[in-house]
Amino acid sequence: DFLPTMAEKLGGQDFMAELCNGFRLLEDPQLGVITLESLR
């Protein structure tokens, strides 16, 4: 579990931005959501 360390080092806004970056890595770009297929 690295999330608390990330949050502490980045601060709230930057941490949320990093979570959003993680979302974009896994999402289906056409649908804008993470599906089983995009996750796979």
PDB file of all heavy atoms in Angstrom:
ATOM      1  N   ASP A   1       0.828  -1.198   0.000  1.00  0.00           N
ATOM      2  CA  ASP A   1       0.000   0.000   0.000  1.00  0.00           C
ATOM      3  C   ASP A   1       0.870   1.260   0.000  1.00  0.00           C
ATOM      4  O   ASP A   1       1.364   1.678   1.038  1.00  0.00           O
ATOM      5  CB  ASP A   1      -0.917  -0.033   1.228  1.00  0.00           C
ATOM      6  CG  ASP A   1      -1.934   1.073   1.236  1.00  0.00           C
ATOM      7  OD1 ASP A   1      -2.041   1.795   0.231  1.00  0.00           O
ATOM      8  OD2 ASP A   1      -2.633   1.215   2.249  1.00  0.00           O
ATOM      9  N   PHE A   2       1.060   1.852  -1.185  1.00  0.00           N
ATOM     10  CA  PHE A   2       1.858   3.068  -1.308  1.00  0.00           C
ATOM     11  C   PHE A   2       1.011   4.336  -1.339  1.00  0.00           C
ATOM     12  O   PHE A   2       1.556   5.444  -1.357  1.00  0.00           O
ATOM     13  CB  PHE A   2       2.698   3.025  -2.597  1.00  0.00           C
ATOM     14  CG  PHE A   2       3.804   2.014  -2.556  1.00  0.00           C
ATOM     15  CD1 PHE A   2       3.760   0.885  -3.366  1.00  0.00           C
ATOM     16  CD2 PHE A   2       4.894   2.178  -1.725  1.00  0.00           C
ATOM     17  CE1 PHE A   2       4.775  -0.047  -3.343  1.00  0.00           C
ATOM     18  CE2 PHE A   2       5.923   1.251  -1.688  1.00  0.00           C
ATOM     19  CZ  PHE A   2       5.865   0.138  -2.500  1.00  0.00           C
ATOM     20  N   LEU A   3      -0.305   4.217  -1.353  1.00  0.00           N
ATOM     21  CA  LEU A   3      -1.158   5.406  -1.487  1.00  0.00           C
ATOM     22  C   LEU A   3      -0.949   6.431  -0.379  1.00  0.00           C
ATOM     23  O   LEU A   3      -0.824   7.626  -0.671  1.00  0.00           O
ATOM     24  CB  LEU A   3      -2.630   5.007  -1.582  1.00  0.00           C
ATOM     25  CG  LEU A   3      -3.073   4.381  -2.899  1.00  0.00           C
ATOM     26  CD1 LEU A   3      -4.567   4.135  -2.891  1.00  0.00           C
ATOM     27  CD2 LEU A   3      -2.697   5.224  -4.086  1.00  0.00           C
ATOM     28  N   PRO A   4      -0.898   6.031   0.892  1.00  0.00           N
ATOM     29  CA  PRO A   4      -0.692   7.050   1.937  1.00  0.00           C
ATOM     30  C   PRO A   4       0.637   7.791   1.788  1.00  0.00           C
ATOM     31  O   PRO A   4       0.696   9.004   1.984  1.00  0.00           O
ATOM     32  CB  PRO A   4      -0.739   6.247   3.236  1.00  0.00           C
ATOM     33  CG  PRO A   4      -1.547   5.046   2.899  1.00  0.00           C
ATOM     34  CD  PRO A   4      -1.186   4.727   1.467  1.00  0.00           C
ATOM     35  N   THR A   5       1.681   7.086   1.409  1.00  0.00           N
ATOM     36  CA  THR A   5       2.986   7.722   1.205  1.00  0.00           C
ATOM     37  C   THR A   5       2.909   8.713   0.059  1.00  0.00           C
ATOM     38  O   THR A   5       3.420   9.838   0.158  1.00  0.00           O
ATOM     39  CB  THR A   5       4.072   6.662   0.923  1.00  0.00           C
ATOM     40  OG1 THR A   5       4.097   5.733   2.006  1.00  0.00           O
ATOM     41  CG2 THR A   5       5.425   7.283   0.757  1.00  0.00           C
ATOM     42  N   MET A   6       2.262   8.309  -1.029  1.00  0.00           N
ATOM     43  CA  MET A   6       2.088   9.213  -2.168  1.00  0.00           C
ATOM     44  C   MET A   6       1.305  10.453  -1.758  1.00  0.00           C
ATOM     45  O   MET A   6       1.679  11.575  -2.106  1.00  0.00           O
ATOM     46  CB  MET A   6       1.341   8.506  -3.305  1.00  0.00           C
ATOM     47  CG  MET A   6       2.142   7.516  -4.081  1.00  0.00           C
ATOM     48  SD  MET A   6       1.133   6.671  -5.333  1.00  0.00           S
ATOM     49  CE  MET A   6       0.507   8.037  -6.297  1.00  0.00           C
ATOM     50  N   ALA A   7       0.218  10.250  -1.036  1.00  0.00           N
ATOM     51  CA  ALA A   7      -0.632  11.371  -0.635  1.00  0.00           C
ATOM     52  C   ALA A   7       0.128  12.338   0.258  1.00  0.00           C
ATOM     53  O   ALA A   7       0.013  13.565   0.105  1.00  0.00           O
ATOM     54  CB  ALA A   7      -1.874  10.857   0.085  1.00  0.00           C
ATOM     55  N   GLU A   8       0.915  11.802   1.163  1.00  0.00           N
ATOM     56  CA  GLU A   8       1.671  12.649   2.071  1.00  0.00           C
ATOM     57  C   GLU A   8       2.729  13.458   1.319  1.00  0.00           C
ATOM     58  O   GLU A   8       2.912  14.638   1.565  1.00  0.00           O
ATOM     59  CB  GLU A   8       2.331  11.781   3.140  1.00  0.00           C
ATOM     60  CG  GLU A   8       2.611  12.534   4.409  1.00  0.00           C
ATOM     61  CD  GLU A   8       2.889  11.608   5.564  1.00  0.00           C
ATOM     62  OE1 GLU A   8       2.150  10.624   5.746  1.00  0.00           O
ATOM     63  OE2 GLU A   8       3.867  11.868   6.271  1.00  0.00           O
ATOM     64  N   LYS A   9       3.404  12.835   0.377  1.00  0.00           N
ATOM     65  CA  LYS A   9       4.467  13.520  -0.368  1.00  0.00           C
ATOM     66  C   LYS A   9       3.909  14.512  -1.380  1.00  0.00           C
ATOM     67  O   LYS A   9       4.492  15.568  -1.600  1.00  0.00           O
ATOM     68  CB  LYS A   9       5.360  12.503  -1.079  1.00  0.00           C
ATOM     69  CG  LYS A   9       6.239  11.742  -0.118  1.00  0.00           C
ATOM     70  CD  LYS A   9       7.204  10.852  -0.837  1.00  0.00           C
ATOM     71  CE  LYS A   9       7.986  10.099   0.213  1.00  0.00           C
ATOM     72  NZ  LYS A   9       9.324   9.813  -0.148  1.00  0.00           N
ATOM     73  N   LEU A  10       2.783  14.169  -2.004  1.00  0.00           N
ATOM     74  CA  LEU A  10       2.247  15.010  -3.074  1.00  0.00           C
ATOM     75  C   LEU A  10       1.300  16.099  -2.588  1.00  0.00           C
ATOM     76  O   LEU A  10       1.131  17.112  -3.252  1.00  0.00           O
ATOM     77  CB  LEU A  10       1.511  14.141  -4.099  1.00  0.00           C
ATOM     78  CG  LEU A  10       2.362  13.154  -4.876  1.00  0.00           C
ATOM     79  CD1 LEU A  10       1.472  12.253  -5.735  1.00  0.00           C
ATOM     80  CD2 LEU A  10       3.378  13.881  -5.740  1.00  0.00           C
ATOM     81  N   GLY A  11       0.624  15.865  -1.483  1.00  0.00           N
ATOM     82  CA  GLY A  11      -0.435  16.776  -1.059  1.00  0.00           C
ATOM     83  C   GLY A  11      -1.743  16.368  -1.725  1.00  0.00           C
ATOM     84  O   GLY A  11      -1.749  15.597  -2.691  1.00  0.00           O
ATOM     85  N   GLY A  12      -2.835  16.866  -1.221  1.00  0.00           N
ATOM     86  CA  GLY A  12      -4.162  16.434  -1.657  1.00  0.00           C
ATOM     87  C   GLY A  12      -4.446  16.586  -3.134  1.00  0.00           C
ATOM     88  O   GLY A  12      -4.870  15.647  -3.802  1.00  0.00           O
ATOM     89  N   GLN A  13      -4.219  17.778  -3.679  1.00  0.00           N
ATOM     90  CA  GLN A  13      -4.564  18.023  -5.078  1.00  0.00           C
ATOM     91  C   GLN A  13      -3.699  17.216  -6.033  1.00  0.00           C
ATOM     92  O   GLN A  13      -4.204  16.628  -6.995  1.00  0.00           O
ATOM     93  CB  GLN A  13      -4.466  19.502  -5.403  1.00  0.00           C
ATOM     94  CG  GLN A  13      -5.585  20.317  -4.792  1.00  0.00           C
ATOM     95  CD  GLN A  13      -5.499  21.779  -5.178  1.00  0.00           C
ATOM     96  OE1 GLN A  13      -4.423  22.311  -5.431  1.00  0.00           O
ATOM     97  NE2 GLN A  13      -6.652  22.426  -5.219  1.00  0.00           N
ATOM     98  N   ASP A  14      -2.400  17.192  -5.781  1.00  0.00           N
ATOM     99  CA  ASP A  14      -1.511  16.443  -6.672  1.00  0.00           C
ATOM    100  C   ASP A  14      -1.751  14.940  -6.555  1.00  0.00           C
ATOM    101  O   ASP A  14      -1.638  14.211  -7.539  1.00  0.00           O
ATOM    102  CB  ASP A  14      -0.043  16.776  -6.386  1.00  0.00           C
ATOM    103  CG  ASP A  14       0.328  18.187  -6.828  1.00  0.00           C
ATOM    104  OD1 ASP A  14      -0.389  18.755  -7.675  1.00  0.00           O
ATOM    105  OD2 ASP A  14       1.332  18.714  -6.320  1.00  0.00           O
ATOM    106  N   PHE A  15      -2.091  14.486  -5.355  1.00  0.00           N
ATOM    107  CA  PHE A  15      -2.403  13.070  -5.178  1.00  0.00           C
ATOM    108  C   PHE A  15      -3.637  12.688  -5.988  1.00  0.00           C
ATOM    109  O   PHE A  15      -3.648  11.674  -6.687  1.00  0.00           O
ATOM    110  CB  PHE A  15      -2.618  12.749  -3.697  1.00  0.00           C
ATOM    111  CG  PHE A  15      -3.102  11.354  -3.457  1.00  0.00           C
ATOM    112  CD1 PHE A  15      -2.281  10.266  -3.717  1.00  0.00           C
ATOM    113  CD2 PHE A  15      -4.380  11.122  -2.987  1.00  0.00           C
ATOM    114  CE1 PHE A  15      -2.723   8.963  -3.502  1.00  0.00           C
ATOM    115  CE2 PHE A  15      -4.826   9.837  -2.766  1.00  0.00           C
ATOM    116  CZ  PHE A  15      -4.003   8.754  -3.029  1.00  0.00           C
ATOM    117  N   MET A  16      -4.677  13.527  -5.932  1.00  0.00           N
ATOM    118  CA  MET A  16      -5.886  13.246  -6.708  1.00  0.00           C
ATOM    119  C   MET A  16      -5.588  13.285  -8.199  1.00  0.00           C
ATOM    120  O   MET A  16      -6.120  12.490  -8.969  1.00  0.00           O
ATOM    121  CB  MET A  16      -7.004  14.224  -6.342  1.00  0.00           C
ATOM    122  CG  MET A  16      -7.574  14.012  -4.948  1.00  0.00           C
ATOM    123  SD  MET A  16      -8.092  12.313  -4.604  1.00  0.00           S
ATOM    124  CE  MET A  16      -9.425  12.126  -5.756  1.00  0.00           C
ATOM    125  N   ALA A  17      -4.706  14.186  -8.609  1.00  0.00           N
ATOM    126  CA  ALA A  17      -4.313  14.246 -10.022  1.00  0.00           C
ATOM    127  C   ALA A  17      -3.623  12.947 -10.434  1.00  0.00           C
ATOM    128  O   ALA A  17      -3.856  12.441 -11.541  1.00  0.00           O
ATOM    129  CB  ALA A  17      -3.395  15.447 -10.269  1.00  0.00           C
ATOM    130  N   GLU A  18      -2.803  12.384  -9.547  1.00  0.00           N
ATOM    131  CA  GLU A  18      -2.137  11.117  -9.849  1.00  0.00           C
ATOM    132  C   GLU A  18      -3.136   9.964  -9.930  1.00  0.00           C
ATOM    133  O   GLU A  18      -3.011   9.079 -10.773  1.00  0.00           O
ATOM    134  CB  GLU A  18      -1.048  10.802  -8.822  1.00  0.00           C
ATOM    135  CG  GLU A  18       0.216  11.590  -9.030  1.00  0.00           C
ATOM    136  CD  GLU A  18       0.819  11.396 -10.412  1.00  0.00           C
ATOM    137  OE1 GLU A  18       0.999  10.244 -10.859  1.00  0.00           O
ATOM    138  OE2 GLU A  18       1.111  12.418 -11.069  1.00  0.00           O
ATOM    139  N   LEU A  19      -4.143   9.970  -9.047  1.00  0.00           N
ATOM    140  CA  LEU A  19      -5.191   8.948  -9.142  1.00  0.00           C
ATOM    141  C   LEU A  19      -5.912   9.066 -10.485  1.00  0.00           C
ATOM    142  O   LEU A  19      -6.206   8.055 -11.127  1.00  0.00           O
ATOM    143  CB  LEU A  19      -6.197   9.078  -7.996  1.00  0.00           C
ATOM    144  CG  LEU A  19      -5.789   8.505  -6.651  1.00  0.00           C
ATOM    145  CD1 LEU A  19      -6.916   8.709  -5.640  1.00  0.00           C
ATOM    146  CD2 LEU A  19      -5.412   7.045  -6.739  1.00  0.00           C
ATOM    147  N   CYS A  20      -6.176  10.289 -10.909  1.00  0.00           N
ATOM    148  CA  CYS A  20      -6.839  10.503 -12.208  1.00  0.00           C
ATOM    149  C   CYS A  20      -5.956  10.019 -13.358  1.00  0.00           C
ATOM    150  O   CYS A  20      -6.463   9.461 -14.333  1.00  0.00           O
ATOM    151  CB  CYS A  20      -7.198  11.971 -12.386  1.00  0.00           C
ATOM    152  SG  CYS A  20      -8.498  12.523 -11.254  1.00  0.00           S
ATOM    153  N   ASN A  21      -4.640  10.210 -13.233  1.00  0.00           N
ATOM    154  CA  ASN A  21      -3.720   9.677 -14.245  1.00  0.00           C
ATOM    155  C   ASN A  21      -3.793   8.159 -14.296  1.00  0.00           C
ATOM    156  O   ASN A  21      -3.763   7.564 -15.374  1.00  0.00           O
ATOM    157  CB  ASN A  21      -2.285  10.128 -13.969  1.00  0.00           C
ATOM    158  CG  ASN A  21      -2.059  11.592 -14.258  1.00  0.00           C
ATOM    159  OD1 ASN A  21      -2.787  12.199 -15.029  1.00  0.00           O
ATOM    160  ND2 ASN A  21      -1.054  12.161 -13.625  1.00  0.00           N
ATOM    161  N   GLY A  22      -3.881   7.532 -13.131  1.00  0.00           N
ATOM    162  CA  GLY A  22      -4.026   6.075 -13.077  1.00  0.00           C
ATOM    163  C   GLY A  22      -5.308   5.623 -13.753  1.00  0.00           C
ATOM    164  O   GLY A  22      -5.330   4.617 -14.465  1.00  0.00           O
ATOM    165  N   PHE A  23      -6.380   6.382 -13.530  1.00  0.00           N
ATOM    166  CA  PHE A  23      -7.648   6.073 -14.186  1.00  0.00           C
ATOM    167  C   PHE A  23      -7.486   6.107 -15.696  1.00  0.00           C
ATOM    168  O   PHE A  23      -7.910   5.198 -16.406  1.00  0.00           O
ATOM    169  CB  PHE A  23      -8.727   7.064 -13.734  1.00  0.00           C
ATOM    170  CG  PHE A  23     -10.006   6.931 -14.496  1.00  0.00           C
ATOM    171  CD1 PHE A  23     -10.912   5.939 -14.169  1.00  0.00           C
ATOM    172  CD2 PHE A  23     -10.300   7.775 -15.555  1.00  0.00           C
ATOM    173  CE1 PHE A  23     -12.103   5.789 -14.889  1.00  0.00           C
ATOM    174  CE2 PHE A  23     -11.479   7.635 -16.270  1.00  0.00           C
ATOM    175  CZ  PHE A  23     -12.376   6.645 -15.935  1.00  0.00           C
ATOM    176  N   ARG A  24      -6.839   7.164 -16.203  1.00  0.00           N
ATOM    177  CA  ARG A  24      -6.670   7.317 -17.650  1.00  0.00           C
ATOM    178  C   ARG A  24      -5.836   6.183 -18.251  1.00  0.00           C
ATOM    179  O   ARG A  24      -6.040   5.814 -19.404  1.00  0.00           O
ATOM    180  CB  ARG A  24      -6.076   8.681 -17.976  1.00  0.00           C
ATOM    181  CG  ARG A  24      -7.117   9.792 -17.859  1.00  0.00           C
ATOM    182  CD  ARG A  24      -6.624  11.111 -18.405  1.00  0.00           C
ATOM    183  NE  ARG A  24      -5.632  11.771 -17.567  1.00  0.00           N
ATOM    184  CZ  ARG A  24      -5.912  12.448 -16.467  1.00  0.00           C
ATOM    185  NH1 ARG A  24      -7.171  12.569 -16.066  1.00  0.00           N
ATOM    186  NH2 ARG A  24      -4.962  13.018 -15.772  1.00  0.00           N
ATOM    187  N   LEU A  25      -4.895   5.638 -17.470  1.00  0.00           N
ATOM    188  CA  LEU A  25      -4.101   4.506 -17.958  1.00  0.00           C
ATOM    189  C   LEU A  25      -4.961   3.267 -18.199  1.00  0.00           C
ATOM    190  O   LEU A  25      -4.670   2.458 -19.071  1.00  0.00           O
ATOM    191  CB  LEU A  25      -3.009   4.137 -16.954  1.00  0.00           C
ATOM    192  CG  LEU A  25      -1.786   5.031 -16.895  1.00  0.00           C
ATOM    193  CD1 LEU A  25      -0.898   4.603 -15.728  1.00  0.00           C
ATOM    194  CD2 LEU A  25      -1.007   4.982 -18.194  1.00  0.00           C
ATOM    195  N   LEU A  26      -6.018   3.121 -17.403  1.00  0.00           N
ATOM    196  CA  LEU A  26      -6.830   1.907 -17.447  1.00  0.00           C
ATOM    197  C   LEU A  26      -8.148   2.057 -18.208  1.00  0.00           C
ATOM    198  O   LEU A  26      -8.788   1.060 -18.526  1.00  0.00           O
ATOM    199  CB  LEU A  26      -7.134   1.444 -16.014  1.00  0.00           C
ATOM    200  CG  LEU A  26      -5.919   1.072 -15.174  1.00  0.00           C
ATOM    201  CD1 LEU A  26      -6.332   0.833 -13.728  1.00  0.00           C
ATOM    202  CD2 LEU A  26      -5.205  -0.133 -15.752  1.00  0.00           C
ATOM    203  N   GLU A  27      -8.543   3.269 -18.507  1.00  0.00           N
ATOM    204  CA  GLU A  27      -9.854   3.481 -19.116  1.00  0.00           C
ATOM    205  C   GLU A  27      -9.884   3.094 -20.594  1.00  0.00           C
ATOM    206  O   GLU A  27      -8.865   3.039 -21.261  1.00  0.00           O
ATOM    207  CB  GLU A  27     -10.286   4.940 -18.967  1.00  0.00           C
ATOM    208  CG  GLU A  27      -9.596   5.872 -19.937  1.00  0.00           C
ATOM    209  CD  GLU A  27     -10.110   7.293 -19.873  1.00  0.00           C
ATOM    210  OE1 GLU A  27     -11.309   7.523 -19.662  1.00  0.00           O
ATOM    211  OE2 GLU A  27      -9.274   8.197 -20.054  1.00  0.00           O
ATOM    212  N   ASP A  28     -11.082   2.850 -21.068  1.00  0.00           N
ATOM    213  CA  ASP A  28     -11.331   2.701 -22.497  1.00  0.00           C
ATOM    214  C   ASP A  28     -11.472   4.128 -23.030  1.00  0.00           C
ATOM    215  O   ASP A  28     -12.390   4.846 -22.635  1.00  0.00           O
ATOM    216  CB  ASP A  28     -12.631   1.915 -22.717  1.00  0.00           C
ATOM    217  CG  ASP A  28     -13.005   1.775 -24.174  1.00  0.00           C
ATOM    218  OD1 ASP A  28     -12.970   2.790 -24.904  1.00  0.00           O
ATOM    219  OD2 ASP A  28     -13.350   0.667 -24.586  1.00  0.00           O
ATOM    220  N   PRO A  29     -10.562   4.577 -23.897  1.00  0.00           N
ATOM    221  CA  PRO A  29     -10.598   5.978 -24.329  1.00  0.00           C
ATOM    222  C   PRO A  29     -11.874   6.378 -25.069  1.00  0.00           C
ATOM    223  O   PRO A  29     -12.291   7.529 -24.998  1.00  0.00           O
ATOM    224  CB  PRO A  29      -9.372   6.126 -25.231  1.00  0.00           C
ATOM    225  CG  PRO A  29      -8.844   4.764 -25.475  1.00  0.00           C
ATOM    226  CD  PRO A  29      -9.471   3.830 -24.499  1.00  0.00           C
ATOM    227  N   GLN A  30     -12.509   5.446 -25.762  1.00  0.00           N
ATOM    228  CA  GLN A  30     -13.751   5.777 -26.462  1.00  0.00           C
ATOM    229  C   GLN A  30     -14.922   5.923 -25.493  1.00  0.00           C
ATOM    230  O   GLN A  30     -15.795   6.760 -25.686  1.00  0.00           O
ATOM    231  CB  GLN A  30     -14.110   4.707 -27.511  1.00  0.00           C
ATOM    232  CG  GLN A  30     -13.368   4.858 -28.822  1.00  0.00           C
ATOM    233  CD  GLN A  30     -11.957   4.283 -28.738  1.00  0.00           C
ATOM    234  OE1 GLN A  30     -11.716   3.302 -28.044  1.00  0.00           O
ATOM    235  NE2 GLN A  30     -11.028   4.895 -29.444  1.00  0.00           N
ATOM    236  N   LEU A  31     -14.955   5.102 -24.446  1.00  0.00           N
ATOM    237  CA  LEU A  31     -16.072   5.120 -23.505  1.00  0.00           C
ATOM    238  C   LEU A  31     -15.838   6.051 -22.317  1.00  0.00           C
ATOM    239  O   LEU A  31     -16.787   6.474 -21.664  1.00  0.00           O
ATOM    240  CB  LEU A  31     -16.353   3.706 -22.996  1.00  0.00           C
ATOM    241  CG  LEU A  31     -16.727   2.666 -24.057  1.00  0.00           C
ATOM    242  CD1 LEU A  31     -16.848   1.283 -23.425  1.00  0.00           C
ATOM    243  CD2 LEU A  31     -18.030   3.058 -24.743  1.00  0.00           C
ATOM    244  N   GLY A  32     -14.580   6.321 -21.995  1.00  0.00           N
ATOM    245  CA  GLY A  32     -14.266   7.186 -20.860  1.00  0.00           C
ATOM    246  C   GLY A  32     -14.478   6.528 -19.512  1.00  0.00           C
ATOM    247  O   GLY A  32     -14.595   7.222 -18.501  1.00  0.00           O
ATOM    248  N   VAL A  33     -14.534   5.199 -19.476  1.00  0.00           N
ATOM    249  CA  VAL A  33     -14.694   4.440 -18.236  1.00  0.00           C
ATOM    250  C   VAL A  33     -13.770   3.225 -18.277  1.00  0.00           C
ATOM    251  O   VAL A  33     -13.270   2.845 -19.334  1.00  0.00           O
ATOM    252  CB  VAL A  33     -16.153   3.970 -18.016  1.00  0.00           C
ATOM    253  CG1 VAL A  33     -17.095   5.153 -17.809  1.00  0.00           C
ATOM    254  CG2 VAL A  33     -16.632   3.095 -19.170  1.00  0.00           C
ATOM    255  N   ILE A  34     -13.554   2.628 -17.121  1.00  0.00           N
ATOM    256  CA  ILE A  34     -12.791   1.382 -17.045  1.00  0.00           C
ATOM    257  C   ILE A  34     -13.780   0.228 -17.158  1.00  0.00           C
ATOM    258  O   ILE A  34     -14.689   0.103 -16.341  1.00  0.00           O
ATOM    259  CB  ILE A  34     -12.003   1.280 -15.731  1.00  0.00           C
ATOM    260  CG1 ILE A  34     -10.967   2.398 -15.637  1.00  0.00           C
ATOM    261  CG2 ILE A  34     -11.330  -0.091 -15.608  1.00  0.00           C
ATOM    262  CD1 ILE A  34     -10.260   2.484 -14.296  1.00  0.00           C
ATOM    263  N   THR A  35     -13.595  -0.587 -18.178  1.00  0.00           N
ATOM    264  CA  THR A  35     -14.422  -1.778 -18.367  1.00  0.00           C
ATOM    265  C   THR A  35     -13.551  -3.002 -18.087  1.00  0.00           C
ATOM    266  O   THR A  35     -12.329  -2.892 -17.963  1.00  0.00           O
ATOM    267  CB  THR A  35     -14.935  -1.858 -19.816  1.00  0.00           C
ATOM    268  OG1 THR A  35     -13.799  -1.982 -20.690  1.00  0.00           O
ATOM    269  CG2 THR A  35     -15.750  -0.630 -20.191  1.00  0.00           C
ATOM    270  N   LEU A  36     -14.170  -4.156 -18.017  1.00  0.00           N
ATOM    271  CA  LEU A  36     -13.398  -5.386 -17.857  1.00  0.00           C
ATOM    272  C   LEU A  36     -12.400  -5.510 -18.998  1.00  0.00           C
ATOM    273  O   LEU A  36     -11.225  -5.829 -18.774  1.00  0.00           O
ATOM    274  CB  LEU A  36     -14.316  -6.617 -17.808  1.00  0.00           C
ATOM    275  CG  LEU A  36     -13.600  -7.968 -17.784  1.00  0.00           C
ATOM    276  CD1 LEU A  36     -12.689  -8.090 -16.570  1.00  0.00           C
ATOM    277  CD2 LEU A  36     -14.603  -9.101 -17.829  1.00  0.00           C
ATOM    278  N   GLU A  37     -12.826  -5.225 -20.206  1.00  0.00           N
ATOM    279  CA  GLU A  37     -11.947  -5.334 -21.374  1.00  0.00           C
ATOM    280  C   GLU A  37     -10.776  -4.357 -21.293  1.00  0.00           C
ATOM    281  O   GLU A  37      -9.633  -4.718 -21.553  1.00  0.00           O
ATOM    282  CB  GLU A  37     -12.739  -5.115 -22.661  1.00  0.00           C
ATOM    283  CG  GLU A  37     -11.937  -5.327 -23.919  1.00  0.00           C
ATOM    284  CD  GLU A  37     -11.333  -6.734 -24.058  1.00  0.00           C
ATOM    285  OE1 GLU A  37     -11.975  -7.714 -23.652  1.00  0.00           O
ATOM    286  OE2 GLU A  37     -10.204  -6.832 -24.574  1.00  0.00           O
ATOM    287  N   SER A  38     -11.041  -3.102 -20.928  1.00  0.00           N
ATOM    288  CA  SER A  38      -9.948  -2.122 -20.846  1.00  0.00           C
ATOM    289  C   SER A  38      -9.008  -2.460 -19.692  1.00  0.00           C
ATOM    290  O   SER A  38      -7.801  -2.266 -19.802  1.00  0.00           O
ATOM    291  CB  SER A  38     -10.482  -0.693 -20.717  1.00  0.00           C
ATOM    292  OG  SER A  38     -11.054  -0.445 -19.451  1.00  0.00           O
ATOM    293  N   LEU A  39      -9.553  -2.973 -18.601  1.00  0.00           N
ATOM    294  CA  LEU A  39      -8.722  -3.380 -17.473  1.00  0.00           C
ATOM    295  C   LEU A  39      -7.836  -4.564 -17.872  1.00  0.00           C
ATOM    296  O   LEU A  39      -6.645  -4.577 -17.582  1.00  0.00           O
ATOM    297  CB  LEU A  39      -9.602  -3.744 -16.274  1.00  0.00           C
ATOM    298  CG  LEU A  39      -8.911  -3.963 -14.945  1.00  0.00           C
ATOM    299  CD1 LEU A  39      -8.067  -2.758 -14.538  1.00  0.00           C
ATOM    300  CD2 LEU A  39      -9.945  -4.255 -13.864  1.00  0.00           C
ATOM    301  N   ARG A  40      -8.414  -5.507 -18.581  1.00  0.00           N
ATOM    302  CA  ARG A  40      -7.656  -6.672 -19.063  1.00  0.00           C
ATOM    303  C   ARG A  40      -6.538  -6.212 -20.002  1.00  0.00           C
ATOM    304  O   ARG A  40      -5.395  -6.624 -19.882  1.00  0.00           O
ATOM    305  CB  ARG A  40      -8.585  -7.641 -19.787  1.00  0.00           C
ATOM    306  CG  ARG A  40      -7.912  -8.914 -20.250  1.00  0.00           C
ATOM    307  CD  ARG A  40      -8.837  -9.811 -21.072  1.00  0.00           C
ATOM    308  NE  ARG A  40     -10.071 -10.144 -20.396  1.00  0.00           N
ATOM    309  CZ  ARG A  40     -11.297  -9.904 -20.905  1.00  0.00           C
ATOM    310  NH1 ARG A  40     -11.438  -9.349 -22.097  1.00  0.00           N
ATOM    311  NH2 ARG A  40     -12.371 -10.243 -20.243  1.00  0.00           N
TER     312      ARG A  40
END
